[in-house]
Amino acid sequence: MMFNIKSLTTKRRKGNKKSLLTNSFRYGALFLLCGALTYSTHAIFELYVSAQSSHQQVSKLRNKALELSASLSEETALNKTLNDSLEKKTQSLEKLNQRIDDMESILGLSDDNPPQTIKQRVDTAAINSAVKATLFQLIPNGKPTPDAPLTSGFGTRVHPITKQRKNHDGLDFGASKGTPIYAPADAVIEKVNSSQHGYGNQLILNHAMGFVSTYSHMSKFNVKAGQFVNKGELIGWTGNSGLSTGPHLHYEIHFLGKPLNPRPFVDWDIKNFDTIFKKEPNVQWASLLNTVGSMVEMQVQLASQNHEATFQTVNQAKSNPKKANTP
């Protein structure tokens, strides 16, 4: 009996040891499994965080790419606009060069002149153009009665009434009574003479630079002595007053008191600008041109300076609109 109890106790102790080893193994395995799960969970979390970060970076890169694409599109559009503007500027510059060439050709400027900038060429052309315009404004040119035919020229002739040979110091234009007469240049009315003898009703216009013009056998006057008139202004009407065989205008041009042949002045225009210098040797044209040129050059320079000042003011106003509008 005692043997059986000892044997049973011994078996229980062996069974408990075996059970303890089994449990220890189970707990150890469970601990390892938990550690593996914890590590796996942490690794998965880190992968998730890394994936999120990578996704954010990809989103940022996409946004940056979109911004760069939009910026590139804007730059491309701006570049196209600038190219179009440059093309238009180039075309305008070519047209301006052509116009300057045409102007220089009309003004008779030599191609042998030293090279000039566009501004210098424009100034030179402007000066020459202004000189010509000034001469045409101040010195008689063109017909005072535009549609009337020339019936008698300048020089010696037999007078149609007295039958005596004498100088005819002007031109006769056949025109019916009442034909308008226009001032051939700016002037002041020096004399208004009403008469039925000799030259009949006569006007004397005092122009600049020593030139005087007279109009005889008129029917009526449209001006008074001392009045200033502009080129092309109506000064009176043709008639048959004084020693005359019929309605006409007797037209004379004087320089420093000496009668000149009016024909070159009547034919004088921009197309044959230089011809009068050869046909009328009694006027020192070179000196006159230098004087008028100096006057005009000063005017052109002042106008150019005023234009540049105005241009700069406008540009400043455009670049600083708020400042320009500040009282």
C-alpha atoms as a PDB file:
ATOM      1  CA  MET A   1       0.000   0.000   0.000  1.00  0.00           C
ATOM      2  CA  MET A   2       2.800   2.348   0.933  1.00  0.00           C
ATOM      3  CA  PHE A   3       4.492   1.425  -2.323  1.00  0.00           C
ATOM      4  CA  ASN A   4       1.491   2.362  -4.298  1.00  0.00           C
ATOM      5  CA  ILE A   5       1.199   5.743  -2.588  1.00  0.00           C
ATOM      6  CA  LYS A   6       4.872   6.554  -3.257  1.00  0.00           C
ATOM      7  CA  SER A   7       4.563   5.352  -6.776  1.00  0.00           C
ATOM      8  CA  LEU A   8       1.473   7.503  -7.294  1.00  0.00           C
ATOM      9  CA  THR A   9       3.175  10.540  -5.794  1.00  0.00           C
ATOM     10  CA  THR A  10       6.189  10.024  -7.951  1.00  0.00           C
ATOM     11  CA  LYS A  11       3.957   9.791 -11.053  1.00  0.00           C
ATOM     12  CA  ARG A  12       2.141  12.993 -10.105  1.00  0.00           C
ATOM     13  CA  ARG A  13       5.407  14.849  -9.656  1.00  0.00           C
ATOM     14  CA  LYS A  14       6.594  13.660 -13.036  1.00  0.00           C
ATOM     15  CA  GLY A  15       3.244  14.652 -14.556  1.00  0.00           C
ATOM     16  CA  ASN A  16       3.417  18.111 -12.981  1.00  0.00           C
ATOM     17  CA  LYS A  17       6.927  18.657 -14.304  1.00  0.00           C
ATOM     18  CA  LYS A  18       5.866  17.606 -17.748  1.00  0.00           C
ATOM     19  CA  SER A  19       2.837  19.890 -17.603  1.00  0.00           C
ATOM     20  CA  LEU A  20       5.015  22.780 -16.383  1.00  0.00           C
ATOM     21  CA  LEU A  21       7.423  22.287 -19.279  1.00  0.00           C
ATOM     22  CA  THR A  22       4.552  22.143 -21.712  1.00  0.00           C
ATOM     23  CA  ASN A  23       3.035  25.346 -20.340  1.00  0.00           C
ATOM     24  CA  SER A  24       6.408  27.045 -20.329  1.00  0.00           C
ATOM     25  CA  PHE A  25       6.837  26.106 -23.957  1.00  0.00           C
ATOM     26  CA  ARG A  26       3.390  27.361 -24.773  1.00  0.00           C
ATOM     27  CA  TYR A  27       3.975  30.652 -22.976  1.00  0.00           C
ATOM     28  CA  GLY A  28       7.311  31.082 -24.700  1.00  0.00           C
ATOM     29  CA  ALA A  29       5.759  30.395 -28.082  1.00  0.00           C
ATOM     30  CA  LEU A  30       2.931  32.812 -27.295  1.00  0.00           C
ATOM     31  CA  PHE A  31       5.440  35.475 -26.253  1.00  0.00           C
ATOM     32  CA  LEU A  32       7.405  35.000 -29.465  1.00  0.00           C
ATOM     33  CA  LEU A  33       4.199  35.153 -31.471  1.00  0.00           C
ATOM     34  CA  CYS A  34       3.163  38.382 -29.740  1.00  0.00           C
ATOM     35  CA  GLY A  35       6.626  39.845 -30.379  1.00  0.00           C
ATOM     36  CA  ALA A  36       6.409  38.871 -34.028  1.00  0.00           C
ATOM     37  CA  LEU A  37       2.931  40.379 -34.321  1.00  0.00           C
ATOM     38  CA  THR A  38       4.086  43.584 -32.611  1.00  0.00           C
ATOM     39  CA  TYR A  39       7.082  43.875 -34.937  1.00  0.00           C
ATOM     40  CA  SER A  40       4.924  43.139 -37.973  1.00  0.00           C
ATOM     41  CA  THR A  41       2.368  45.739 -36.868  1.00  0.00           C
ATOM     42  CA  HIS A  42       5.106  48.352 -36.362  1.00  0.00           C
ATOM     43  CA  ALA A  43       6.644  47.531 -39.734  1.00  0.00           C
ATOM     44  CA  ILE A  44       3.243  47.790 -41.395  1.00  0.00           C
ATOM     45  CA  PHE A  45       2.646  51.153 -39.685  1.00  0.00           C
ATOM     46  CA  GLU A  46       6.015  52.464 -40.852  1.00  0.00           C
ATOM     47  CA  LEU A  47       5.237  51.305 -44.384  1.00  0.00           C
ATOM     48  CA  TYR A  48       1.867  53.079 -44.175  1.00  0.00           C
ATOM     49  CA  VAL A  49       3.484  56.295 -42.949  1.00  0.00           C
ATOM     50  CA  SER A  50       6.118  56.042 -45.679  1.00  0.00           C
ATOM     51  CA  ALA A  51       3.395  55.442 -48.274  1.00  0.00           C
ATOM     52  CA  GLN A  52       1.458  58.496 -47.066  1.00  0.00           C
ATOM     53  CA  SER A  53       4.588  60.648 -47.193  1.00  0.00           C
ATOM     54  CA  SER A  54       5.376  59.387 -50.682  1.00  0.00           C
ATOM     55  CA  HIS A  55       1.802  60.147 -51.777  1.00  0.00           C
ATOM     56  CA  GLN A  56       2.065  63.695 -50.433  1.00  0.00           C
ATOM     57  CA  GLN A  57       5.368  64.203 -52.210  1.00  0.00           C
ATOM     58  CA  VAL A  58       3.853  62.891 -55.444  1.00  0.00           C
ATOM     59  CA  SER A  59       0.910  65.313 -55.019  1.00  0.00           C
ATOM     60  CA  LYS A  60       3.306  68.207 -54.449  1.00  0.00           C
ATOM     61  CA  LEU A  61       5.333  67.219 -57.498  1.00  0.00           C
ATOM     62  CA  ARG A  62       2.155  67.013 -59.564  1.00  0.00           C
ATOM     63  CA  ASN A  63       1.055  70.462 -58.390  1.00  0.00           C
ATOM     64  CA  LYS A  64       4.525  71.823 -59.117  1.00  0.00           C
ATOM     65  CA  ALA A  65       4.403  70.248 -62.560  1.00  0.00           C
ATOM     66  CA  LEU A  66       0.993  71.845 -63.187  1.00  0.00           C
ATOM     67  CA  GLU A  67       2.304  75.225 -62.026  1.00  0.00           C
ATOM     68  CA  LEU A  68       5.366  74.903 -64.262  1.00  0.00           C
ATOM     69  CA  SER A  69       3.133  73.870 -67.153  1.00  0.00           C
ATOM     70  CA  ALA A  70       0.849  76.883 -66.578  1.00  0.00           C
ATOM     71  CA  SER A  71       3.850  79.168 -66.246  1.00  0.00           C
ATOM     72  CA  LEU A  72       5.322  77.726 -69.427  1.00  0.00           C
ATOM     73  CA  SER A  73       2.022  78.338 -71.215  1.00  0.00           C
ATOM     74  CA  GLU A  74       1.987  81.934 -69.977  1.00  0.00           C
ATOM     75  CA  GLU A  75       5.609  82.399 -71.032  1.00  0.00           C
ATOM     76  CA  THR A  76       4.822  80.918 -74.431  1.00  0.00           C
ATOM     77  CA  ALA A  77       1.809  83.217 -74.851  1.00  0.00           C
ATOM     78  CA  LEU A  78       3.840  86.222 -73.680  1.00  0.00           C
ATOM     79  CA  ASN A  79       6.669  85.268 -76.020  1.00  0.00           C
ATOM     80  CA  LYS A  80       4.208  85.048 -78.912  1.00  0.00           C
ATOM     81  CA  THR A  81       2.759  88.443 -77.992  1.00  0.00           C
ATOM     82  CA  LEU A  82       6.237  89.958 -77.812  1.00  0.00           C
ATOM     83  CA  ASN A  83       7.184  88.398 -81.142  1.00  0.00           C
ATOM     84  CA  ASP A  84       3.986  89.741 -82.732  1.00  0.00           C
ATOM     85  CA  SER A  85       4.678  93.179 -81.257  1.00  0.00           C
ATOM     86  CA  LEU A  86       8.274  93.032 -82.485  1.00  0.00           C
ATOM     87  CA  GLU A  87       7.072  92.074 -85.955  1.00  0.00           C
ATOM     88  CA  LYS A  88       4.650  95.010 -86.003  1.00  0.00           C
ATOM     89  CA  LYS A  89       7.387  97.358 -84.762  1.00  0.00           C
ATOM     90  CA  THR A  90       9.705  96.069 -87.476  1.00  0.00           C
ATOM     91  CA  GLN A  91       7.052  96.607 -90.143  1.00  0.00           C
ATOM     92  CA  SER A  92       6.334 100.103 -88.798  1.00  0.00           C
ATOM     93  CA  LEU A  93      10.051 100.874 -88.825  1.00  0.00           C
ATOM     94  CA  GLU A  94      10.333  99.685 -92.418  1.00  0.00           C
ATOM     95  CA  LYS A  95       7.362 101.854 -93.401  1.00  0.00           C
ATOM     96  CA  LEU A  96       8.892 104.805 -91.553  1.00  0.00           C
ATOM     97  CA  ASN A  97      12.196 104.269 -93.367  1.00  0.00           C
ATOM     98  CA  GLN A  98      10.342 104.125 -96.685  1.00  0.00           C
ATOM     99  CA  ARG A  99       8.421 107.299 -95.876  1.00  0.00           C
ATOM    100  CA  ILE A 100      11.649 109.051 -94.893  1.00  0.00           C
ATOM    101  CA  ASP A 101      13.247 107.855 -98.140  1.00  0.00           C
ATOM    102  CA  ASP A 102      10.266 109.190-100.092  1.00  0.00           C
ATOM    103  CA  MET A 103      10.393 112.479 -98.197  1.00  0.00           C
ATOM    104  CA  GLU A 104      14.131 112.816 -98.776  1.00  0.00           C
ATOM    105  CA  SER A 105      13.579 112.102-102.462  1.00  0.00           C
ATOM    106  CA  ILE A 106      10.845 114.741-102.696  1.00  0.00           C
ATOM    107  CA  LEU A 107      12.948 117.243-100.785  1.00  0.00           C
ATOM    108  CA  GLY A 108      15.934 116.531-103.017  1.00  0.00           C
ATOM    109  CA  LEU A 109      18.248 115.420-100.208  1.00  0.00           C
ATOM    110  CA  SER A 110      21.474 113.856-101.480  1.00  0.00           C
ATOM    111  CA  ASP A 111      22.273 110.185-100.926  1.00  0.00           C
ATOM    112  CA  ASP A 112      25.920 111.221-100.433  1.00  0.00           C
ATOM    113  CA  ASN A 113      25.241 112.596 -96.960  1.00  0.00           C
ATOM    114  CA  PRO A 114      26.965 110.762 -94.062  1.00  0.00           C
ATOM    115  CA  PRO A 115      24.904 108.016 -92.346  1.00  0.00           C
ATOM    116  CA  GLN A 116      22.342 109.322 -89.875  1.00  0.00           C
ATOM    117  CA  THR A 117      20.081 107.819 -87.263  1.00  0.00           C
ATOM    118  CA  ILE A 118      16.358 107.739 -87.948  1.00  0.00           C
ATOM    119  CA  LYS A 119      15.839 110.666 -85.574  1.00  0.00           C
ATOM    120  CA  GLN A 120      18.516 112.680 -87.372  1.00  0.00           C
ATOM    121  CA  ARG A 121      17.012 111.791 -90.744  1.00  0.00           C
ATOM    122  CA  VAL A 122      13.537 112.762 -89.536  1.00  0.00           C
ATOM    123  CA  ASP A 123      14.852 116.039 -88.122  1.00  0.00           C
ATOM    124  CA  THR A 124      16.732 116.803 -91.341  1.00  0.00           C
ATOM    125  CA  ALA A 125      13.703 115.956 -93.467  1.00  0.00           C
ATOM    126  CA  ALA A 126      11.471 117.953 -91.140  1.00  0.00           C
ATOM    127  CA  ILE A 127      13.770 120.964 -91.369  1.00  0.00           C
ATOM    128  CA  ASN A 128      13.961 120.823 -95.170  1.00  0.00           C
ATOM    129  CA  SER A 129      10.227 120.241 -95.415  1.00  0.00           C
ATOM    130  CA  ALA A 130       9.544 123.084 -92.989  1.00  0.00           C
ATOM    131  CA  VAL A 131      11.897 125.410 -94.903  1.00  0.00           C
ATOM    132  CA  LYS A 132       9.986 124.744 -98.111  1.00  0.00           C
ATOM    133  CA  ALA A 133       6.621 125.116 -96.392  1.00  0.00           C
ATOM    134  CA  THR A 134       7.790 128.392 -94.842  1.00  0.00           C
ATOM    135  CA  LEU A 135       8.994 129.751 -98.196  1.00  0.00           C
ATOM    136  CA  PHE A 136       5.691 128.826 -99.830  1.00  0.00           C
ATOM    137  CA  GLN A 137       3.867 130.512 -96.971  1.00  0.00           C
ATOM    138  CA  LEU A 138       5.893 133.749 -97.055  1.00  0.00           C
ATOM    139  CA  ILE A 139       6.881 134.262-100.710  1.00  0.00           C
ATOM    140  CA  PRO A 140       4.228 134.656-103.473  1.00  0.00           C
ATOM    141  CA  ASN A 141       3.608 131.444-105.403  1.00  0.00           C
ATOM    142  CA  GLY A 142       0.849 130.062-107.589  1.00  0.00           C
ATOM    143  CA  LYS A 143      -1.912 131.911-109.420  1.00  0.00           C
ATOM    144  CA  PRO A 144      -3.848 134.590-107.530  1.00  0.00           C
ATOM    145  CA  THR A 145      -6.789 133.724-109.829  1.00  0.00           C
ATOM    146  CA  PRO A 146      -6.495 129.905-110.111  1.00  0.00           C
ATOM    147  CA  ASP A 147      -8.744 129.296-113.150  1.00  0.00           C
ATOM    148  CA  ALA A 148      -7.958 132.421-115.167  1.00  0.00           C
ATOM    149  CA  PRO A 149      -5.805 131.981-118.313  1.00  0.00           C
ATOM    150  CA  LEU A 150      -2.630 133.989-118.885  1.00  0.00           C
ATOM    151  CA  THR A 151      -3.265 136.563-121.645  1.00  0.00           C
ATOM    152  CA  SER A 152      -0.150 138.756-121.538  1.00  0.00           C
ATOM    153  CA  GLY A 153       3.370 138.095-120.289  1.00  0.00           C
ATOM    154  CA  PHE A 154       6.202 140.022-118.652  1.00  0.00           C
ATOM    155  CA  GLY A 155       8.480 142.253-120.720  1.00  0.00           C
ATOM    156  CA  THR A 156       8.359 144.889-123.431  1.00  0.00           C
ATOM    157  CA  ARG A 157       5.152 145.160-125.480  1.00  0.00           C
ATOM    158  CA  VAL A 158       2.926 147.576-127.368  1.00  0.00           C
ATOM    159  CA  HIS A 159       0.257 148.900-125.022  1.00  0.00           C
ATOM    160  CA  PRO A 160      -3.197 147.899-126.350  1.00  0.00           C
ATOM    161  CA  ILE A 161      -4.643 151.376-125.696  1.00  0.00           C
ATOM    162  CA  THR A 162      -1.789 153.904-126.056  1.00  0.00           C
ATOM    163  CA  LYS A 163      -0.162 151.846-128.861  1.00  0.00           C
ATOM    164  CA  GLN A 164       3.219 152.744-127.411  1.00  0.00           C
ATOM    165  CA  ARG A 165       6.003 150.243-126.758  1.00  0.00           C
ATOM    166  CA  LYS A 166       6.717 150.074-123.053  1.00  0.00           C
ATOM    167  CA  ASN A 167       7.601 147.656-120.302  1.00  0.00           C
ATOM    168  CA  HIS A 168       4.864 145.383-119.056  1.00  0.00           C
ATOM    169  CA  ASP A 169       6.006 144.749-115.490  1.00  0.00           C
ATOM    170  CA  GLY A 170       3.576 141.955-114.705  1.00  0.00           C
ATOM    171  CA  LEU A 171       1.216 139.292-116.001  1.00  0.00           C
ATOM    172  CA  ASP A 172      -2.348 139.706-117.241  1.00  0.00           C
ATOM    173  CA  PHE A 173      -4.929 137.034-116.435  1.00  0.00           C
ATOM    174  CA  GLY A 174      -8.132 137.143-118.442  1.00  0.00           C
ATOM    175  CA  ALA A 175     -11.093 136.775-116.115  1.00  0.00           C
ATOM    176  CA  SER A 176     -14.697 137.902-116.120  1.00  0.00           C
ATOM    177  CA  LYS A 177     -15.651 140.662-113.716  1.00  0.00           C
ATOM    178  CA  GLY A 178     -16.079 139.388-110.160  1.00  0.00           C
ATOM    179  CA  THR A 179     -13.577 136.517-110.349  1.00  0.00           C
ATOM    180  CA  PRO A 180     -12.114 135.914-106.848  1.00  0.00           C
ATOM    181  CA  ILE A 181      -8.514 136.958-106.177  1.00  0.00           C
ATOM    182  CA  TYR A 182      -6.559 135.160-103.441  1.00  0.00           C
ATOM    183  CA  ALA A 183      -3.396 136.153-101.571  1.00  0.00           C
ATOM    184  CA  PRO A 184      -0.456 134.079-102.950  1.00  0.00           C
ATOM    185  CA  ALA A 185       1.369 134.297 -99.590  1.00  0.00           C
ATOM    186  CA  ASP A 186       1.049 135.757 -96.088  1.00  0.00           C
ATOM    187  CA  ALA A 187       1.163 139.535 -96.157  1.00  0.00           C
ATOM    188  CA  VAL A 188       0.024 142.827 -94.705  1.00  0.00           C
ATOM    189  CA  ILE A 189      -2.134 145.054 -96.884  1.00  0.00           C
ATOM    190  CA  GLU A 190       0.129 148.020 -97.624  1.00  0.00           C
ATOM    191  CA  LYS A 191      -2.224 150.022 -99.835  1.00  0.00           C
ATOM    192  CA  VAL A 192      -5.852 150.000-100.980  1.00  0.00           C
ATOM    193  CA  ASN A 193      -6.288 152.517-103.828  1.00  0.00           C
ATOM    194  CA  SER A 194      -9.594 153.223-105.542  1.00  0.00           C
ATOM    195  CA  SER A 195      -9.215 154.874-108.974  1.00  0.00           C
ATOM    196  CA  GLN A 196     -10.592 154.919-112.489  1.00  0.00           C
ATOM    197  CA  HIS A 197      -7.265 155.899-114.022  1.00  0.00           C
ATOM    198  CA  GLY A 198      -4.089 154.002-114.799  1.00  0.00           C
ATOM    199  CA  TYR A 199      -4.026 150.807-112.743  1.00  0.00           C
ATOM    200  CA  GLY A 200      -7.593 151.456-111.574  1.00  0.00           C
ATOM    201  CA  ASN A 201      -8.602 149.887-108.270  1.00  0.00           C
ATOM    202  CA  GLN A 202      -5.339 148.507-106.914  1.00  0.00           C
ATOM    203  CA  LEU A 203      -4.130 146.497-103.927  1.00  0.00           C
ATOM    204  CA  ILE A 204      -0.526 146.331-102.743  1.00  0.00           C
ATOM    205  CA  LEU A 205       0.483 143.418-100.488  1.00  0.00           C
ATOM    206  CA  ASN A 206       3.722 143.586 -98.500  1.00  0.00           C
ATOM    207  CA  HIS A 207       5.111 140.078 -97.973  1.00  0.00           C
ATOM    208  CA  ALA A 208       8.126 138.933 -95.960  1.00  0.00           C
ATOM    209  CA  MET A 209      11.776 138.978 -97.085  1.00  0.00           C
ATOM    210  CA  GLY A 210      11.411 142.102 -99.249  1.00  0.00           C
ATOM    211  CA  PHE A 211       8.692 140.802-101.609  1.00  0.00           C
ATOM    212  CA  VAL A 212       5.679 142.893-102.654  1.00  0.00           C
ATOM    213  CA  SER A 213       2.781 141.970-104.963  1.00  0.00           C
ATOM    214  CA  THR A 214       0.241 144.251-106.683  1.00  0.00           C
ATOM    215  CA  TYR A 215      -3.257 143.619-108.091  1.00  0.00           C
ATOM    216  CA  SER A 216      -4.736 146.108-110.540  1.00  0.00           C
ATOM    217  CA  HIS A 217      -7.998 146.844-112.414  1.00  0.00           C
ATOM    218  CA  MET A 218     -10.038 145.251-109.621  1.00  0.00           C
ATOM    219  CA  SER A 219     -13.782 145.708-109.184  1.00  0.00           C
ATOM    220  CA  LYS A 220     -13.997 145.395-105.376  1.00  0.00           C
ATOM    221  CA  PHE A 221     -11.766 144.955-102.331  1.00  0.00           C
ATOM    222  CA  ASN A 222     -12.239 142.459 -99.517  1.00  0.00           C
ATOM    223  CA  VAL A 223      -9.500 143.886 -97.258  1.00  0.00           C
ATOM    224  CA  LYS A 224      -8.385 147.145 -95.692  1.00  0.00           C
ATOM    225  CA  ALA A 225      -4.999 148.833 -95.388  1.00  0.00           C
ATOM    226  CA  GLY A 226      -2.997 147.483 -92.435  1.00  0.00           C
ATOM    227  CA  GLN A 227      -4.881 144.188 -92.365  1.00  0.00           C
ATOM    228  CA  PHE A 228      -2.886 140.951 -92.157  1.00  0.00           C
ATOM    229  CA  VAL A 229      -3.899 138.176 -94.536  1.00  0.00           C
ATOM    230  CA  ASN A 230      -2.894 134.538 -94.864  1.00  0.00           C
ATOM    231  CA  LYS A 231      -1.949 132.681 -98.008  1.00  0.00           C
ATOM    232  CA  GLY A 232      -5.122 131.658 -99.861  1.00  0.00           C
ATOM    233  CA  GLU A 233      -7.295 134.337 -98.238  1.00  0.00           C
ATOM    234  CA  LEU A 234      -9.791 136.189-100.457  1.00  0.00           C
ATOM    235  CA  ILE A 235      -8.569 139.766-101.000  1.00  0.00           C
ATOM    236  CA  GLY A 236     -10.958 141.014-103.725  1.00  0.00           C
ATOM    237  CA  TRP A 237     -12.465 140.493-107.169  1.00  0.00           C
ATOM    238  CA  THR A 238     -11.310 141.158-110.734  1.00  0.00           C
ATOM    239  CA  GLY A 239     -12.736 144.034-112.755  1.00  0.00           C
ATOM    240  CA  ASN A 240     -12.147 146.502-115.584  1.00  0.00           C
ATOM    241  CA  SER A 241     -11.276 149.682-113.707  1.00  0.00           C
ATOM    242  CA  GLY A 242      -8.626 152.160-114.901  1.00  0.00           C
ATOM    243  CA  LEU A 243      -6.838 152.010-118.248  1.00  0.00           C
ATOM    244  CA  SER A 244      -8.096 148.606-119.407  1.00  0.00           C
ATOM    245  CA  THR A 245      -9.549 147.063-122.559  1.00  0.00           C
ATOM    246  CA  GLY A 246     -11.591 144.457-120.691  1.00  0.00           C
ATOM    247  CA  PRO A 247     -12.021 142.573-117.401  1.00  0.00           C
ATOM    248  CA  HIS A 248      -8.722 141.103-116.268  1.00  0.00           C
ATOM    249  CA  LEU A 249      -6.177 141.062-113.439  1.00  0.00           C
ATOM    250  CA  HIS A 250      -2.809 142.762-113.812  1.00  0.00           C
ATOM    251  CA  TYR A 251      -0.443 141.010-111.384  1.00  0.00           C
ATOM    252  CA  GLU A 252       3.045 142.177-110.434  1.00  0.00           C
ATOM    253  CA  ILE A 253       5.765 140.975-108.040  1.00  0.00           C
ATOM    254  CA  HIS A 254       8.514 143.288-106.775  1.00  0.00           C
ATOM    255  CA  PHE A 255      11.649 142.549-104.771  1.00  0.00           C
ATOM    256  CA  LEU A 256      13.249 145.496-102.956  1.00  0.00           C
ATOM    257  CA  GLY A 257      11.338 147.864-105.239  1.00  0.00           C
ATOM    258  CA  LYS A 258      12.378 146.150-108.490  1.00  0.00           C
ATOM    259  CA  PRO A 259       9.758 144.369-110.648  1.00  0.00           C
ATOM    260  CA  LEU A 260      10.357 140.659-111.200  1.00  0.00           C
ATOM    261  CA  ASN A 261       8.860 138.336-113.767  1.00  0.00           C
ATOM    262  CA  PRO A 262       5.907 136.771-111.896  1.00  0.00           C
ATOM    263  CA  ARG A 263       5.823 133.727-114.188  1.00  0.00           C
ATOM    264  CA  PRO A 264       8.428 131.635-112.275  1.00  0.00           C
ATOM    265  CA  PHE A 265       6.555 132.421-109.048  1.00  0.00           C
ATOM    266  CA  VAL A 266       3.204 131.466-110.590  1.00  0.00           C
ATOM    267  CA  ASP A 267       4.657 128.129-111.749  1.00  0.00           C
ATOM    268  CA  TRP A 268       6.527 127.517-108.472  1.00  0.00           C
ATOM    269  CA  ASP A 269       5.453 124.459-106.447  1.00  0.00           C
ATOM    270  CA  ILE A 270       6.961 121.552-104.485  1.00  0.00           C
ATOM    271  CA  LYS A 271       7.565 119.489-107.628  1.00  0.00           C
ATOM    272  CA  ASN A 272       9.829 122.106-109.219  1.00  0.00           C
ATOM    273  CA  PHE A 273      11.074 123.736-106.061  1.00  0.00           C
ATOM    274  CA  ASP A 274      14.625 124.421-107.289  1.00  0.00           C
ATOM    275  CA  THR A 275      13.726 125.887-110.678  1.00  0.00           C
ATOM    276  CA  ILE A 276      12.939 129.367-109.364  1.00  0.00           C
ATOM    277  CA  PHE A 277      16.488 129.717-108.019  1.00  0.00           C
ATOM    278  CA  LYS A 278      17.785 129.482-111.591  1.00  0.00           C
ATOM    279  CA  LYS A 279      14.999 131.441-113.303  1.00  0.00           C
ATOM    280  CA  GLU A 280      15.128 134.407-110.916  1.00  0.00           C
ATOM    281  CA  PRO A 281      18.767 135.514-110.413  1.00  0.00           C
ATOM    282  CA  ASN A 282      17.852 138.881-108.871  1.00  0.00           C
ATOM    283  CA  VAL A 283      17.223 137.311-105.454  1.00  0.00           C
ATOM    284  CA  GLN A 284      20.074 136.025-103.270  1.00  0.00           C
ATOM    285  CA  TRP A 285      18.364 132.719-102.663  1.00  0.00           C
ATOM    286  CA  ALA A 286      21.228 131.061-100.785  1.00  0.00           C
ATOM    287  CA  SER A 287      21.246 133.780 -98.147  1.00  0.00           C
ATOM    288  CA  LEU A 288      17.458 133.720 -97.930  1.00  0.00           C
ATOM    289  CA  LEU A 289      17.402 129.920 -97.526  1.00  0.00           C
ATOM    290  CA  ASN A 290      20.040 130.069 -94.781  1.00  0.00           C
ATOM    291  CA  THR A 291      18.005 132.671 -92.892  1.00  0.00           C
ATOM    292  CA  VAL A 292      14.749 130.715 -93.176  1.00  0.00           C
ATOM    293  CA  GLY A 293      16.599 127.466 -92.409  1.00  0.00           C
ATOM    294  CA  SER A 294      17.969 128.886 -89.145  1.00  0.00           C
ATOM    295  CA  MET A 295      14.486 130.011 -88.129  1.00  0.00           C
ATOM    296  CA  VAL A 296      12.954 126.647 -88.946  1.00  0.00           C
ATOM    297  CA  GLU A 297      15.745 124.617 -87.323  1.00  0.00           C
ATOM    298  CA  MET A 298      15.161 126.415 -84.036  1.00  0.00           C
ATOM    299  CA  GLN A 299      11.414 125.741 -84.301  1.00  0.00           C
ATOM    300  CA  VAL A 300      11.978 122.045 -85.091  1.00  0.00           C
ATOM    301  CA  GLN A 301      14.402 121.648 -82.177  1.00  0.00           C
ATOM    302  CA  LEU A 302      11.953 123.293 -79.771  1.00  0.00           C
ATOM    303  CA  ALA A 303       9.111 121.138 -81.081  1.00  0.00           C
ATOM    304  CA  SER A 304      11.268 118.003 -80.741  1.00  0.00           C
ATOM    305  CA  GLN A 305      12.224 118.890 -77.162  1.00  0.00           C
ATOM    306  CA  ASN A 306       8.588 119.553 -76.254  1.00  0.00           C
ATOM    307  CA  HIS A 307       7.570 116.253 -77.848  1.00  0.00           C
ATOM    308  CA  GLU A 308      10.222 114.309 -75.918  1.00  0.00           C
ATOM    309  CA  ALA A 309       9.241 116.010 -72.657  1.00  0.00           C
ATOM    310  CA  THR A 310       5.571 115.196 -73.270  1.00  0.00           C
ATOM    311  CA  PHE A 311       6.453 111.585 -74.160  1.00  0.00           C
ATOM    312  CA  GLN A 312       8.473 111.161 -70.953  1.00  0.00           C
ATOM    313  CA  THR A 313       5.653 112.656 -68.876  1.00  0.00           C
ATOM    314  CA  VAL A 314       3.112 110.279 -70.420  1.00  0.00           C
ATOM    315  CA  ASN A 315       5.394 107.276 -69.813  1.00  0.00           C
ATOM    316  CA  GLN A 316       5.926 108.281 -66.189  1.00  0.00           C
ATOM    317  CA  ALA A 317       2.184 108.668 -65.722  1.00  0.00           C
ATOM    318  CA  LYS A 318       1.612 105.205 -67.207  1.00  0.00           C
ATOM    319  CA  SER A 319       4.282 103.567 -65.040  1.00  0.00           C
ATOM    320  CA  ASN A 320       3.041 105.268 -61.838  1.00  0.00           C
ATOM    321  CA  PRO A 321      -0.739 105.669 -62.302  1.00  0.00           C
ATOM    322  CA  LYS A 322      -1.467 105.900 -58.566  1.00  0.00           C
ATOM    323  CA  LYS A 323       1.211 108.534 -58.033  1.00  0.00           C
ATOM    324  CA  ALA A 324       0.022 110.462 -61.042  1.00  0.00           C
ATOM    325  CA  ASN A 325      -3.545 110.535 -59.713  1.00  0.00           C
ATOM    326  CA  THR A 326      -2.480 111.597 -56.208  1.00  0.00           C
ATOM    327  CA  PRO A 327      -3.481 115.265 -55.588  1.00  0.00           C
END
